[in-house]
Amino acid sequence: MSFSRGPKEPVQEVETNVWSCTSGDCQGWMRESFSFEEEPTCPLCDSSMEKEVRVIPEMKK
């Protein structure tokens, strides 16, 4: 028996402002729009974070 959800739509990738962890041992990052602080700390290792732009999948509202 086979289940099909039909053809999948290609995911649009867009340039997005993100916060990226400054620790070399951590790969943590978050979308800027998901941050509640003006200058957040990394939720994984508690290091400082810096702004950068990444090309990532667009989130539908």
PDB file of N, CA and C in Angstrom:
ATOM      1  N   MET A   1       0.840  -1.165   0.000  1.00  0.00           N
ATOM      2  CA  MET A   1       0.000   0.000   0.000  1.00  0.00           C
ATOM      3  C   MET A   1       0.891   1.235   0.000  1.00  0.00           C
ATOM      4  N   SER A   2       0.557   2.219  -0.782  1.00  0.00           N
ATOM      5  CA  SER A   2       1.368   3.423  -0.930  1.00  0.00           C
ATOM      6  C   SER A   2       0.534   4.645  -0.583  1.00  0.00           C
ATOM      7  N   PHE A   3       1.127   5.530   0.170  1.00  0.00           N
ATOM      8  CA  PHE A   3       0.465   6.776   0.522  1.00  0.00           C
ATOM      9  C   PHE A   3       1.200   7.925  -0.154  1.00  0.00           C
ATOM     10  N   SER A   4       0.467   8.796  -0.774  1.00  0.00           N
ATOM     11  CA  SER A   4       1.082   9.926  -1.453  1.00  0.00           C
ATOM     12  C   SER A   4       0.398  11.217  -1.026  1.00  0.00           C
ATOM     13  N   ARG A   5       1.203  12.184  -0.727  1.00  0.00           N
ATOM     14  CA  ARG A   5       0.663  13.491  -0.367  1.00  0.00           C
ATOM     15  C   ARG A   5       0.688  14.424  -1.572  1.00  0.00           C
ATOM     16  N   GLY A   6       0.953  13.894  -2.726  1.00  0.00           N
ATOM     17  CA  GLY A   6       1.012  14.704  -3.931  1.00  0.00           C
ATOM     18  C   GLY A   6       2.376  15.330  -4.084  1.00  0.00           C
ATOM     19  N   PRO A   7       2.559  16.068  -5.156  1.00  0.00           N
ATOM     20  CA  PRO A   7       3.869  16.696  -5.383  1.00  0.00           C
ATOM     21  C   PRO A   7       4.157  17.758  -4.330  1.00  0.00           C
ATOM     22  N   LYS A   8       5.392  17.786  -3.874  1.00  0.00           N
ATOM     23  CA  LYS A   8       5.788  18.779  -2.885  1.00  0.00           C
ATOM     24  C   LYS A   8       6.192  20.060  -3.584  1.00  0.00           C
ATOM     25  N   GLU A   9       5.762  21.176  -3.021  1.00  0.00           N
ATOM     26  CA  GLU A   9       6.132  22.462  -3.576  1.00  0.00           C
ATOM     27  C   GLU A   9       7.591  22.743  -3.240  1.00  0.00           C
ATOM     28  N   PRO A  10       8.331  23.323  -4.183  1.00  0.00           N
ATOM     29  CA  PRO A  10       9.712  23.686  -3.845  1.00  0.00           C
ATOM     30  C   PRO A  10       9.715  24.771  -2.771  1.00  0.00           C
ATOM     31  N   VAL A  11      10.643  24.676  -1.852  1.00  0.00           N
ATOM     32  CA  VAL A  11      10.719  25.638  -0.754  1.00  0.00           C
ATOM     33  C   VAL A  11      11.530  26.845  -1.218  1.00  0.00           C
ATOM     34  N   GLN A  12      10.933  28.012  -1.120  1.00  0.00           N
ATOM     35  CA  GLN A  12      11.595  29.263  -1.503  1.00  0.00           C
ATOM     36  C   GLN A  12      12.610  29.627  -0.435  1.00  0.00           C
ATOM     37  N   GLU A  13      13.860  29.927  -0.841  1.00  0.00           N
ATOM     38  CA  GLU A  13      14.875  30.369   0.109  1.00  0.00           C
ATOM     39  C   GLU A  13      15.088  31.866  -0.069  1.00  0.00           C
ATOM     40  N   VAL A  14      15.211  32.573   1.040  1.00  0.00           N
ATOM     41  CA  VAL A  14      15.354  34.025   1.015  1.00  0.00           C
ATOM     42  C   VAL A  14      16.458  34.465   1.974  1.00  0.00           C
ATOM     43  N   GLU A  15      17.032  35.645   1.696  1.00  0.00           N
ATOM     44  CA  GLU A  15      18.004  36.226   2.612  1.00  0.00           C
ATOM     45  C   GLU A  15      17.254  36.661   3.864  1.00  0.00           C
ATOM     46  N   THR A  16      17.748  36.224   5.014  1.00  0.00           N
ATOM     47  CA  THR A  16      17.061  36.464   6.281  1.00  0.00           C
ATOM     48  C   THR A  16      18.052  36.955   7.325  1.00  0.00           C
ATOM     49  N   ASN A  17      17.684  37.974   8.089  1.00  0.00           N
ATOM     50  CA  ASN A  17      18.530  38.442   9.194  1.00  0.00           C
ATOM     51  C   ASN A  17      18.445  37.431  10.328  1.00  0.00           C
ATOM     52  N   VAL A  18      19.605  37.010  10.828  1.00  0.00           N
ATOM     53  CA  VAL A  18      19.653  36.043  11.919  1.00  0.00           C
ATOM     54  C   VAL A  18      20.670  36.497  12.965  1.00  0.00           C
ATOM     55  N   TRP A  19      20.568  35.920  14.150  1.00  0.00           N
ATOM     56  CA  TRP A  19      21.578  36.041  15.193  1.00  0.00           C
ATOM     57  C   TRP A  19      22.375  34.743  15.159  1.00  0.00           C
ATOM     58  N   SER A  20      23.697  34.850  15.139  1.00  0.00           N
ATOM     59  CA  SER A  20      24.568  33.682  15.081  1.00  0.00           C
ATOM     60  C   SER A  20      25.492  33.666  16.290  1.00  0.00           C
ATOM     61  N   CYS A  21      25.687  32.495  16.881  1.00  0.00           N
ATOM     62  CA  CYS A  21      26.537  32.362  18.068  1.00  0.00           C
ATOM     63  C   CYS A  21      27.992  32.677  17.704  1.00  0.00           C
ATOM     64  N   THR A  22      28.681  33.396  18.588  1.00  0.00           N
ATOM     65  CA  THR A  22      30.077  33.763  18.344  1.00  0.00           C
ATOM     66  C   THR A  22      31.061  32.702  18.828  1.00  0.00           C
ATOM     67  N   SER A  23      30.590  31.690  19.546  1.00  0.00           N
ATOM     68  CA  SER A  23      31.469  30.634  20.036  1.00  0.00           C
ATOM     69  C   SER A  23      31.868  29.700  18.888  1.00  0.00           C
ATOM     70  N   GLY A  24      33.140  29.409  18.775  1.00  0.00           N
ATOM     71  CA  GLY A  24      33.629  28.522  17.729  1.00  0.00           C
ATOM     72  C   GLY A  24      33.161  27.089  17.894  1.00  0.00           C
ATOM     73  N   ASP A  25      32.772  26.711  19.106  1.00  0.00           N
ATOM     74  CA  ASP A  25      32.336  25.340  19.378  1.00  0.00           C
ATOM     75  C   ASP A  25      30.835  25.146  19.186  1.00  0.00           C
ATOM     76  N   CYS A  26      30.092  26.216  18.960  1.00  0.00           N
ATOM     77  CA  CYS A  26      28.635  26.139  18.888  1.00  0.00           C
ATOM     78  C   CYS A  26      28.157  26.606  17.517  1.00  0.00           C
ATOM     79  N   GLN A  27      27.136  25.956  16.999  1.00  0.00           N
ATOM     80  CA  GLN A  27      26.579  26.348  15.709  1.00  0.00           C
ATOM     81  C   GLN A  27      25.180  26.946  15.871  1.00  0.00           C
ATOM     82  N   GLY A  28      24.871  27.443  17.054  1.00  0.00           N
ATOM     83  CA  GLY A  28      23.550  27.992  17.332  1.00  0.00           C
ATOM     84  C   GLY A  28      23.266  29.257  16.541  1.00  0.00           C
ATOM     85  N   TRP A  29      22.020  29.394  16.132  1.00  0.00           N
ATOM     86  CA  TRP A  29      21.549  30.610  15.459  1.00  0.00           C
ATOM     87  C   TRP A  29      20.044  30.673  15.583  1.00  0.00           C
ATOM     88  N   MET A  30      19.476  31.868  15.370  1.00  0.00           N
ATOM     89  CA  MET A  30      18.024  32.031  15.391  1.00  0.00           C
ATOM     90  C   MET A  30      17.655  33.177  14.468  1.00  0.00           C
ATOM     91  N   ARG A  31      16.463  33.112  13.926  1.00  0.00           N
ATOM     92  CA  ARG A  31      15.970  34.207  13.102  1.00  0.00           C
ATOM     93  C   ARG A  31      15.822  35.446  13.978  1.00  0.00           C
ATOM     94  N   GLU A  32      16.215  36.583  13.439  1.00  0.00           N
ATOM     95  CA  GLU A  32      16.119  37.834  14.197  1.00  0.00           C
ATOM     96  C   GLU A  32      14.675  38.098  14.630  1.00  0.00           C
ATOM     97  N   SER A  33      13.721  37.739  13.786  1.00  0.00           N
ATOM     98  CA  SER A  33      12.316  37.990  14.108  1.00  0.00           C
ATOM     99  C   SER A  33      11.799  37.097  15.236  1.00  0.00           C
ATOM    100  N   PHE A  34      12.565  36.061  15.631  1.00  0.00           N
ATOM    101  CA  PHE A  34      12.161  35.171  16.719  1.00  0.00           C
ATOM    102  C   PHE A  34      12.839  35.527  18.037  1.00  0.00           C
ATOM    103  N   SER A  35      13.648  36.578  18.028  1.00  0.00           N
ATOM    104  CA  SER A  35      14.361  36.987  19.227  1.00  0.00           C
ATOM    105  C   SER A  35      13.533  37.998  20.003  1.00  0.00           C
ATOM    106  N   PHE A  36      13.498  37.849  21.325  1.00  0.00           N
ATOM    107  CA  PHE A  36      12.748  38.768  22.170  1.00  0.00           C
ATOM    108  C   PHE A  36      13.651  39.837  22.784  1.00  0.00           C
ATOM    109  N   GLU A  37      14.982  39.678  22.641  1.00  0.00           N
ATOM    110  CA  GLU A  37      15.934  40.604  23.234  1.00  0.00           C
ATOM    111  C   GLU A  37      16.617  41.422  22.153  1.00  0.00           C
ATOM    112  N   GLU A  38      17.069  42.613  22.520  1.00  0.00           N
ATOM    113  CA  GLU A  38      17.765  43.462  21.556  1.00  0.00           C
ATOM    114  C   GLU A  38      19.111  42.853  21.166  1.00  0.00           C
ATOM    115  N   GLU A  39      19.819  42.251  22.135  1.00  0.00           N
ATOM    116  CA  GLU A  39      21.072  41.543  21.872  1.00  0.00           C
ATOM    117  C   GLU A  39      21.025  40.230  22.645  1.00  0.00           C
ATOM    118  N   PRO A  40      20.508  39.183  22.028  1.00  0.00           N
ATOM    119  CA  PRO A  40      20.323  37.910  22.739  1.00  0.00           C
ATOM    120  C   PRO A  40      21.635  37.168  23.000  1.00  0.00           C
ATOM    121  N   THR A  41      21.588  36.265  23.960  1.00  0.00           N
ATOM    122  CA  THR A  41      22.689  35.326  24.163  1.00  0.00           C
ATOM    123  C   THR A  41      22.244  33.986  23.585  1.00  0.00           C
ATOM    124  N   CYS A  42      23.196  33.161  23.230  1.00  0.00           N
ATOM    125  CA  CYS A  42      22.887  31.875  22.608  1.00  0.00           C
ATOM    126  C   CYS A  42      22.101  30.986  23.576  1.00  0.00           C
ATOM    127  N   PRO A  43      20.962  30.460  23.139  1.00  0.00           N
ATOM    128  CA  PRO A  43      20.170  29.598  24.020  1.00  0.00           C
ATOM    129  C   PRO A  43      20.820  28.232  24.245  1.00  0.00           C
ATOM    130  N   LEU A  44      21.809  27.882  23.430  1.00  0.00           N
ATOM    131  CA  LEU A  44      22.465  26.576  23.579  1.00  0.00           C
ATOM    132  C   LEU A  44      23.676  26.623  24.501  1.00  0.00           C
ATOM    133  N   CYS A  45      24.502  27.699  24.387  1.00  0.00           N
ATOM    134  CA  CYS A  45      25.737  27.732  25.181  1.00  0.00           C
ATOM    135  C   CYS A  45      25.911  29.014  25.987  1.00  0.00           C
ATOM    136  N   ASP A  46      24.970  29.951  25.887  1.00  0.00           N
ATOM    137  CA  ASP A  46      24.977  31.203  26.640  1.00  0.00           C
ATOM    138  C   ASP A  46      26.074  32.185  26.215  1.00  0.00           C
ATOM    139  N   SER A  47      26.670  31.999  25.024  1.00  0.00           N
ATOM    140  CA  SER A  47      27.660  32.942  24.501  1.00  0.00           C
ATOM    141  C   SER A  47      26.953  34.119  23.845  1.00  0.00           C
ATOM    142  N   SER A  48      27.715  35.160  23.517  1.00  0.00           N
ATOM    143  CA  SER A  48      27.122  36.300  22.828  1.00  0.00           C
ATOM    144  C   SER A  48      26.800  35.908  21.385  1.00  0.00           C
ATOM    145  N   MET A  49      25.935  36.708  20.759  1.00  0.00           N
ATOM    146  CA  MET A  49      25.543  36.427  19.384  1.00  0.00           C
ATOM    147  C   MET A  49      25.748  37.685  18.553  1.00  0.00           C
ATOM    148  N   GLU A  50      25.956  37.506  17.239  1.00  0.00           N
ATOM    149  CA  GLU A  50      26.118  38.640  16.337  1.00  0.00           C
ATOM    150  C   GLU A  50      25.164  38.496  15.162  1.00  0.00           C
ATOM    151  N   LYS A  51      24.790  39.641  14.584  1.00  0.00           N
ATOM    152  CA  LYS A  51      23.864  39.629  13.454  1.00  0.00           C
ATOM    153  C   LYS A  51      24.592  39.207  12.189  1.00  0.00           C
ATOM    154  N   GLU A  52      23.897  38.453  11.354  1.00  0.00           N
ATOM    155  CA  GLU A  52      24.390  38.119  10.027  1.00  0.00           C
ATOM    156  C   GLU A  52      23.192  37.817   9.145  1.00  0.00           C
ATOM    157  N   VAL A  53      23.446  37.666   7.859  1.00  0.00           N
ATOM    158  CA  VAL A  53      22.389  37.351   6.905  1.00  0.00           C
ATOM    159  C   VAL A  53      22.658  35.963   6.347  1.00  0.00           C
ATOM    160  N   ARG A  54      21.630  35.113   6.339  1.00  0.00           N
ATOM    161  CA  ARG A  54      21.740  33.760   5.791  1.00  0.00           C
ATOM    162  C   ARG A  54      20.632  33.552   4.774  1.00  0.00           C
ATOM    163  N   VAL A  55      20.897  32.687   3.806  1.00  0.00           N
ATOM    164  CA  VAL A  55      19.878  32.301   2.854  1.00  0.00           C
ATOM    165  C   VAL A  55      19.274  30.998   3.381  1.00  0.00           C
ATOM    166  N   ILE A  56      18.033  31.091   3.869  1.00  0.00           N
ATOM    167  CA  ILE A  56      17.364  29.959   4.501  1.00  0.00           C
ATOM    168  C   ILE A  56      15.933  29.869   3.990  1.00  0.00           C
ATOM    169  N   PRO A  57      15.268  28.726   4.217  1.00  0.00           N
ATOM    170  CA  PRO A  57      13.883  28.572   3.745  1.00  0.00           C
ATOM    171  C   PRO A  57      12.962  29.643   4.324  1.00  0.00           C
ATOM    172  N   GLU A  58      12.105  30.165   3.473  1.00  0.00           N
ATOM    173  CA  GLU A  58      11.151  31.181   3.881  1.00  0.00           C
ATOM    174  C   GLU A  58      10.082  30.558   4.777  1.00  0.00           C
ATOM    175  N   MET A  59       9.668  31.299   5.803  1.00  0.00           N
ATOM    176  CA  MET A  59       8.597  30.831   6.678  1.00  0.00           C
ATOM    177  C   MET A  59       7.303  31.468   6.228  1.00  0.00           C
ATOM    178  N   LYS A  60       6.293  30.660   6.029  1.00  0.00           N
ATOM    179  CA  LYS A  60       4.974  31.164   5.628  1.00  0.00           C
ATOM    180  C   LYS A  60       4.246  31.677   6.853  1.00  0.00           C
ATOM    181  N   LYS A  61       3.540  32.782   6.715  1.00  0.00           N
ATOM    182  CA  LYS A  61       2.811  33.358   7.849  1.00  0.00           C
ATOM    183  C   LYS A  61       1.410  32.863   7.890  1.00  0.00           C
TER     184      LYS A  61
END
